Amino acid sequence: MAAKAELDTIFTVAYQGKIDDNFVDDIVKTVTSYGGEVLFVQLSAPETVLTERVGNKSRSDLNLSKMTDPAHLKEALHPGMYESVKYPGILKLDTSELEPDSAARQIVQHFQL
């Protein structure tokens, strides 16, 4: 496990609201039990932007099991997806207004990494 080995790790999850709280709690407890720190970043974009992005060829080219079907995205979207985890200090970024490198710089600056 990365936390036990004292490795920095970036972990992503498509948080689905309260149904994911136990999972998130387990991650936080595990990491902090080894002296690690969990920093939360919520990346969001309007549904129209997500729909445009999901069909991009780059998503399927990466072969990372990312969603690539706009119809499937529409089925997956639900009100809870815009909720934040219950932990304090969350950095929220609207990625429809940011290039990826700019978002990364903001994360680094915000958390002083």
N, C-alpha and C. Protein backbone atom coordinates (compact mmCIF):
# COMPACT_ATOMS: atom_id res chain seq x y z
N MET A 1 0.84 -1.18 0.00
CA MET A 1 0.00 0.00 0.00
C MET A 1 0.88 1.24 0.00
N ALA A 2 0.48 2.24 -0.76
CA ALA A 2 1.26 3.48 -0.93
C ALA A 2 1.45 4.21 0.40
N ALA A 3 0.40 4.32 1.20
CA ALA A 3 0.51 5.06 2.46
C ALA A 3 1.53 4.40 3.39
N LYS A 4 1.52 3.11 3.47
CA LYS A 4 2.46 2.39 4.33
C LYS A 4 3.89 2.56 3.83
N ALA A 5 4.06 2.63 2.53
CA ALA A 5 5.38 2.80 1.93
C ALA A 5 5.79 4.27 1.85
N GLU A 6 4.94 5.16 2.37
CA GLU A 6 5.19 6.61 2.37
C GLU A 6 5.38 7.17 0.96
N LEU A 7 4.55 6.69 0.04
CA LEU A 7 4.58 7.18 -1.34
C LEU A 7 3.46 8.18 -1.56
N ASP A 8 3.76 9.26 -2.25
CA ASP A 8 2.72 10.21 -2.64
C ASP A 8 1.88 9.56 -3.73
N THR A 9 0.58 9.73 -3.63
CA THR A 9 -0.33 9.08 -4.58
C THR A 9 -1.46 10.03 -4.96
N ILE A 10 -1.83 9.98 -6.21
CA ILE A 10 -3.03 10.69 -6.67
C ILE A 10 -4.08 9.61 -6.94
N PHE A 11 -5.21 9.79 -6.33
CA PHE A 11 -6.29 8.81 -6.43
C PHE A 11 -7.54 9.55 -6.89
N THR A 12 -8.19 9.05 -7.91
CA THR A 12 -9.40 9.71 -8.40
C THR A 12 -10.61 8.81 -8.24
N VAL A 13 -11.74 9.44 -8.02
CA VAL A 13 -13.00 8.71 -7.93
C VAL A 13 -14.11 9.64 -8.40
N ALA A 14 -15.05 9.08 -9.09
CA ALA A 14 -16.24 9.85 -9.48
C ALA A 14 -17.22 9.76 -8.31
N TYR A 15 -17.05 10.66 -7.35
CA TYR A 15 -17.86 10.67 -6.13
C TYR A 15 -19.34 10.78 -6.48
N GLN A 16 -20.13 9.89 -5.90
CA GLN A 16 -21.56 9.84 -6.22
C GLN A 16 -22.43 10.24 -5.03
N GLY A 17 -21.91 11.09 -4.19
CA GLY A 17 -22.70 11.53 -3.05
C GLY A 17 -22.61 10.56 -1.89
N LYS A 18 -23.58 10.61 -1.05
CA LYS A 18 -23.57 9.87 0.22
C LYS A 18 -23.32 8.37 0.07
N ILE A 19 -23.67 7.80 -1.07
CA ILE A 19 -23.46 6.35 -1.23
C ILE A 19 -21.97 6.00 -1.25
N ASP A 20 -21.10 6.98 -1.49
CA ASP A 20 -19.66 6.73 -1.49
C ASP A 20 -18.97 7.14 -0.20
N ASP A 21 -19.72 7.66 0.77
CA ASP A 21 -19.09 8.17 1.99
C ASP A 21 -18.29 7.11 2.74
N ASN A 22 -18.82 5.91 2.88
CA ASN A 22 -18.07 4.87 3.60
C ASN A 22 -16.76 4.53 2.90
N PHE A 23 -16.80 4.47 1.59
CA PHE A 23 -15.59 4.20 0.80
C PHE A 23 -14.55 5.30 1.03
N VAL A 24 -14.99 6.55 0.95
CA VAL A 24 -14.07 7.68 1.15
C VAL A 24 -13.54 7.66 2.58
N ASP A 25 -14.41 7.41 3.55
CA ASP A 25 -13.96 7.32 4.95
C ASP A 25 -12.89 6.25 5.13
N ASP A 26 -13.08 5.11 4.49
CA ASP A 26 -12.09 4.02 4.59
C ASP A 26 -10.74 4.44 4.02
N ILE A 27 -10.76 5.14 2.90
CA ILE A 27 -9.51 5.62 2.29
C ILE A 27 -8.82 6.59 3.24
N VAL A 28 -9.58 7.55 3.77
CA VAL A 28 -9.00 8.55 4.67
C VAL A 28 -8.42 7.88 5.92
N LYS A 29 -9.16 6.96 6.52
CA LYS A 29 -8.68 6.28 7.73
C LYS A 29 -7.41 5.49 7.44
N THR A 30 -7.37 4.81 6.32
CA THR A 30 -6.19 4.01 5.98
C THR A 30 -4.97 4.90 5.78
N VAL A 31 -5.12 5.94 5.00
CA VAL A 31 -3.99 6.84 4.71
C VAL A 31 -3.52 7.52 5.98
N THR A 32 -4.44 8.08 6.76
CA THR A 32 -4.02 8.80 7.96
C THR A 32 -3.47 7.88 9.03
N SER A 33 -3.89 6.62 9.04
CA SER A 33 -3.35 5.68 10.03
C SER A 33 -1.86 5.42 9.83
N TYR A 34 -1.36 5.68 8.63
CA TYR A 34 0.06 5.54 8.34
C TYR A 34 0.77 6.90 8.31
N GLY A 35 0.10 7.92 8.84
CA GLY A 35 0.70 9.24 8.90
C GLY A 35 0.56 10.05 7.62
N GLY A 36 -0.21 9.55 6.68
CA GLY A 36 -0.42 10.26 5.42
C GLY A 36 -1.46 11.35 5.54
N GLU A 37 -1.57 12.12 4.51
CA GLU A 37 -2.53 13.21 4.46
C GLU A 37 -3.37 13.08 3.19
N VAL A 38 -4.65 13.34 3.32
CA VAL A 38 -5.55 13.28 2.18
C VAL A 38 -5.99 14.71 1.85
N LEU A 39 -5.79 15.11 0.61
CA LEU A 39 -6.17 16.43 0.14
C LEU A 39 -7.23 16.25 -0.94
N PHE A 40 -8.37 16.91 -0.77
CA PHE A 40 -9.48 16.71 -1.69
C PHE A 40 -9.57 17.84 -2.71
N VAL A 41 -9.76 17.44 -3.96
CA VAL A 41 -10.00 18.38 -5.05
C VAL A 41 -11.25 17.90 -5.77
N GLN A 42 -12.20 18.79 -5.93
CA GLN A 42 -13.41 18.46 -6.68
C GLN A 42 -13.34 19.15 -8.03
N LEU A 43 -13.21 18.35 -9.07
CA LEU A 43 -13.20 18.86 -10.44
C LEU A 43 -14.61 18.73 -11.00
N SER A 44 -15.11 19.79 -11.58
CA SER A 44 -16.46 19.75 -12.14
C SER A 44 -16.51 20.54 -13.44
N ALA A 45 -17.58 20.33 -14.15
CA ALA A 45 -17.86 21.07 -15.39
C ALA A 45 -19.35 20.93 -15.66
N PRO A 46 -19.93 21.89 -16.36
CA PRO A 46 -21.35 21.77 -16.70
C PRO A 46 -21.61 20.53 -17.57
N GLU A 47 -22.82 20.04 -17.49
CA GLU A 47 -23.20 18.83 -18.23
C GLU A 47 -22.91 18.95 -19.72
N THR A 48 -23.12 20.12 -20.29
CA THR A 48 -22.86 20.30 -21.73
C THR A 48 -21.38 20.08 -22.06
N VAL A 49 -20.51 20.55 -21.19
CA VAL A 49 -19.07 20.38 -21.40
C VAL A 49 -18.69 18.91 -21.22
N LEU A 50 -19.24 18.26 -20.20
CA LEU A 50 -18.95 16.84 -19.99
C LEU A 50 -19.39 16.01 -21.19
N THR A 51 -20.55 16.35 -21.74
CA THR A 51 -21.06 15.62 -22.90
C THR A 51 -20.14 15.79 -24.10
N GLU A 52 -19.63 17.00 -24.30
CA GLU A 52 -18.67 17.23 -25.39
C GLU A 52 -17.40 16.41 -25.19
N ARG A 53 -16.91 16.41 -23.96
CA ARG A 53 -15.63 15.74 -23.66
C ARG A 53 -15.72 14.22 -23.75
N VAL A 54 -16.83 13.65 -23.33
CA VAL A 54 -16.92 12.19 -23.22
C VAL A 54 -16.74 11.50 -24.56
N GLY A 55 -17.09 12.18 -25.63
CA GLY A 55 -16.95 11.58 -26.95
C GLY A 55 -15.60 11.81 -27.60
N ASN A 56 -14.70 12.54 -26.94
CA ASN A 56 -13.39 12.82 -27.51
C ASN A 56 -12.60 11.54 -27.75
N LYS A 57 -11.98 11.46 -28.91
CA LYS A 57 -11.18 10.28 -29.27
C LYS A 57 -10.06 10.05 -28.26
N SER A 58 -9.53 11.11 -27.68
CA SER A 58 -8.42 10.96 -26.73
C SER A 58 -8.80 10.09 -25.54
N ARG A 59 -10.08 10.09 -25.15
CA ARG A 59 -10.51 9.26 -24.01
C ARG A 59 -10.39 7.78 -24.34
N SER A 60 -10.79 7.39 -25.55
CA SER A 60 -10.71 5.97 -25.91
C SER A 60 -9.28 5.59 -26.28
N ASP A 61 -8.50 6.53 -26.80
CA ASP A 61 -7.11 6.24 -27.15
C ASP A 61 -6.28 5.87 -25.93
N LEU A 62 -6.62 6.41 -24.77
CA LEU A 62 -5.85 6.14 -23.56
C LEU A 62 -6.09 4.73 -23.03
N ASN A 63 -7.19 4.12 -23.43
CA ASN A 63 -7.52 2.76 -23.00
C ASN A 63 -7.51 2.63 -21.47
N LEU A 64 -8.16 3.58 -20.80
CA LEU A 64 -8.21 3.58 -19.34
C LEU A 64 -9.60 3.27 -18.80
N SER A 65 -10.40 2.63 -19.57
CA SER A 65 -11.77 2.29 -19.17
C SER A 65 -12.57 3.54 -18.84
N LYS A 66 -12.30 4.62 -19.54
CA LYS A 66 -13.07 5.85 -19.32
C LYS A 66 -14.36 5.78 -20.14
N MET A 67 -15.37 6.44 -19.62
CA MET A 67 -16.64 6.51 -20.32
C MET A 67 -16.44 7.27 -21.63
N THR A 68 -16.98 6.72 -22.71
CA THR A 68 -16.81 7.35 -24.02
C THR A 68 -18.13 7.57 -24.77
N ASP A 69 -19.22 7.15 -24.19
CA ASP A 69 -20.53 7.23 -24.84
C ASP A 69 -21.38 8.33 -24.20
N PRO A 70 -21.70 9.39 -24.94
CA PRO A 70 -22.53 10.46 -24.37
C PRO A 70 -23.87 9.96 -23.81
N ALA A 71 -24.46 8.96 -24.42
CA ALA A 71 -25.73 8.42 -23.92
C ALA A 71 -25.53 7.77 -22.55
N HIS A 72 -24.42 7.07 -22.38
CA HIS A 72 -24.11 6.44 -21.09
C HIS A 72 -23.87 7.51 -20.03
N LEU A 73 -23.20 8.59 -20.42
CA LEU A 73 -22.97 9.70 -19.49
C LEU A 73 -24.29 10.26 -19.00
N LYS A 74 -25.21 10.48 -19.92
CA LYS A 74 -26.52 11.05 -19.54
C LYS A 74 -27.22 10.15 -18.53
N GLU A 75 -27.10 8.84 -18.70
CA GLU A 75 -27.70 7.89 -17.75
C GLU A 75 -27.00 7.96 -16.39
N ALA A 76 -25.69 8.22 -16.40
CA ALA A 76 -24.90 8.20 -15.17
C ALA A 76 -25.02 9.49 -14.36
N LEU A 77 -25.38 10.58 -15.03
CA LEU A 77 -25.48 11.85 -14.32
C LEU A 77 -26.66 11.82 -13.36
N HIS A 78 -26.44 12.34 -12.16
CA HIS A 78 -27.49 12.41 -11.16
C HIS A 78 -27.19 13.57 -10.22
N PRO A 79 -28.17 14.07 -9.50
CA PRO A 79 -27.96 15.24 -8.64
C PRO A 79 -26.82 15.07 -7.63
N GLY A 80 -26.63 13.89 -7.09
CA GLY A 80 -25.60 13.66 -6.08
C GLY A 80 -24.18 13.81 -6.59
N MET A 81 -24.01 13.76 -7.90
CA MET A 81 -22.65 13.83 -8.43
C MET A 81 -22.01 15.19 -8.23
N TYR A 82 -22.78 16.19 -7.92
CA TYR A 82 -22.22 17.53 -7.71
C TYR A 82 -22.02 17.84 -6.23
N GLU A 83 -22.28 16.86 -5.38
CA GLU A 83 -22.03 17.04 -3.95
C GLU A 83 -20.53 16.93 -3.69
N SER A 84 -20.11 17.48 -2.56
CA SER A 84 -18.72 17.38 -2.16
C SER A 84 -18.59 16.39 -1.02
N VAL A 85 -17.43 15.78 -0.89
CA VAL A 85 -17.19 14.93 0.27
C VAL A 85 -17.31 15.79 1.52
N LYS A 86 -17.53 15.15 2.64
CA LYS A 86 -17.83 15.88 3.88
C LYS A 86 -16.59 16.41 4.59
N TYR A 87 -15.43 16.25 4.00
CA TYR A 87 -14.19 16.69 4.63
C TYR A 87 -13.91 18.16 4.33
N PRO A 88 -13.30 18.87 5.28
CA PRO A 88 -13.02 20.29 5.07
C PRO A 88 -11.83 20.50 4.13
N GLY A 89 -11.70 21.72 3.66
CA GLY A 89 -10.53 22.10 2.87
C GLY A 89 -10.55 21.64 1.43
N ILE A 90 -11.72 21.39 0.90
CA ILE A 90 -11.82 20.92 -0.48
C ILE A 90 -11.54 22.08 -1.44
N LEU A 91 -10.69 21.84 -2.40
CA LEU A 91 -10.47 22.80 -3.47
C LEU A 91 -11.43 22.43 -4.60
N LYS A 92 -12.24 23.38 -5.02
CA LYS A 92 -13.21 23.13 -6.08
C LYS A 92 -12.79 23.90 -7.33
N LEU A 93 -12.66 23.17 -8.44
CA LEU A 93 -12.26 23.78 -9.70
C LEU A 93 -13.26 23.42 -10.80
N ASP A 94 -13.69 24.42 -11.53
CA ASP A 94 -14.54 24.20 -12.70
C ASP A 94 -13.59 24.05 -13.89
N THR A 95 -13.45 22.84 -14.37
CA THR A 95 -12.48 22.58 -15.44
C THR A 95 -12.96 23.03 -16.81
N SER A 96 -14.20 23.52 -16.89
CA SER A 96 -14.64 24.08 -18.16
C SER A 96 -13.96 25.42 -18.41
N GLU A 97 -13.40 26.00 -17.37
CA GLU A 97 -12.75 27.30 -17.45
C GLU A 97 -11.23 27.21 -17.38
N LEU A 98 -10.70 26.02 -17.27
CA LEU A 98 -9.27 25.84 -17.07
C LEU A 98 -8.69 24.80 -18.02
N GLU A 99 -7.49 25.05 -18.47
CA GLU A 99 -6.73 24.03 -19.18
C GLU A 99 -6.15 23.09 -18.12
N PRO A 100 -5.89 21.82 -18.47
CA PRO A 100 -5.37 20.88 -17.48
C PRO A 100 -4.13 21.36 -16.74
N ASP A 101 -3.17 21.97 -17.45
CA ASP A 101 -1.95 22.42 -16.77
C ASP A 101 -2.24 23.56 -15.80
N SER A 102 -3.20 24.40 -16.11
CA SER A 102 -3.58 25.48 -15.22
C SER A 102 -4.26 24.92 -13.96
N ALA A 103 -5.12 23.94 -14.14
CA ALA A 103 -5.77 23.29 -12.99
C ALA A 103 -4.72 22.65 -12.10
N ALA A 104 -3.75 21.97 -12.69
CA ALA A 104 -2.69 21.33 -11.90
C ALA A 104 -1.89 22.37 -11.11
N ARG A 105 -1.57 23.50 -11.75
CA ARG A 105 -0.84 24.56 -11.05
C ARG A 105 -1.65 25.11 -9.87
N GLN A 106 -2.95 25.26 -10.07
CA GLN A 106 -3.79 25.76 -8.97
C GLN A 106 -3.82 24.78 -7.80
N ILE A 107 -3.85 23.50 -8.11
CA ILE A 107 -3.84 22.48 -7.05
C ILE A 107 -2.52 22.55 -6.28
N VAL A 108 -1.42 22.62 -6.99
CA VAL A 108 -0.10 22.69 -6.37
C VAL A 108 0.00 23.94 -5.49
N GLN A 109 -0.44 25.06 -6.01
CA GLN A 109 -0.37 26.32 -5.24
C GLN A 109 -1.28 26.29 -4.02
N HIS A 110 -2.51 25.81 -4.20
CA HIS A 110 -3.48 25.79 -3.12
C HIS A 110 -2.99 24.96 -1.93
N PHE A 111 -2.44 23.79 -2.24
CA PHE A 111 -2.01 22.88 -1.18
C PHE A 111 -0.52 23.03 -0.83
N GLN A 112 0.14 23.98 -1.49
CA GLN A 112 1.56 24.24 -1.26
C GLN A 112 2.39 22.96 -1.41
N LEU A 113 2.20 22.30 -2.53
CA LEU A 113 2.90 21.04 -2.79
C LEU A 113 4.24 21.30 -3.48
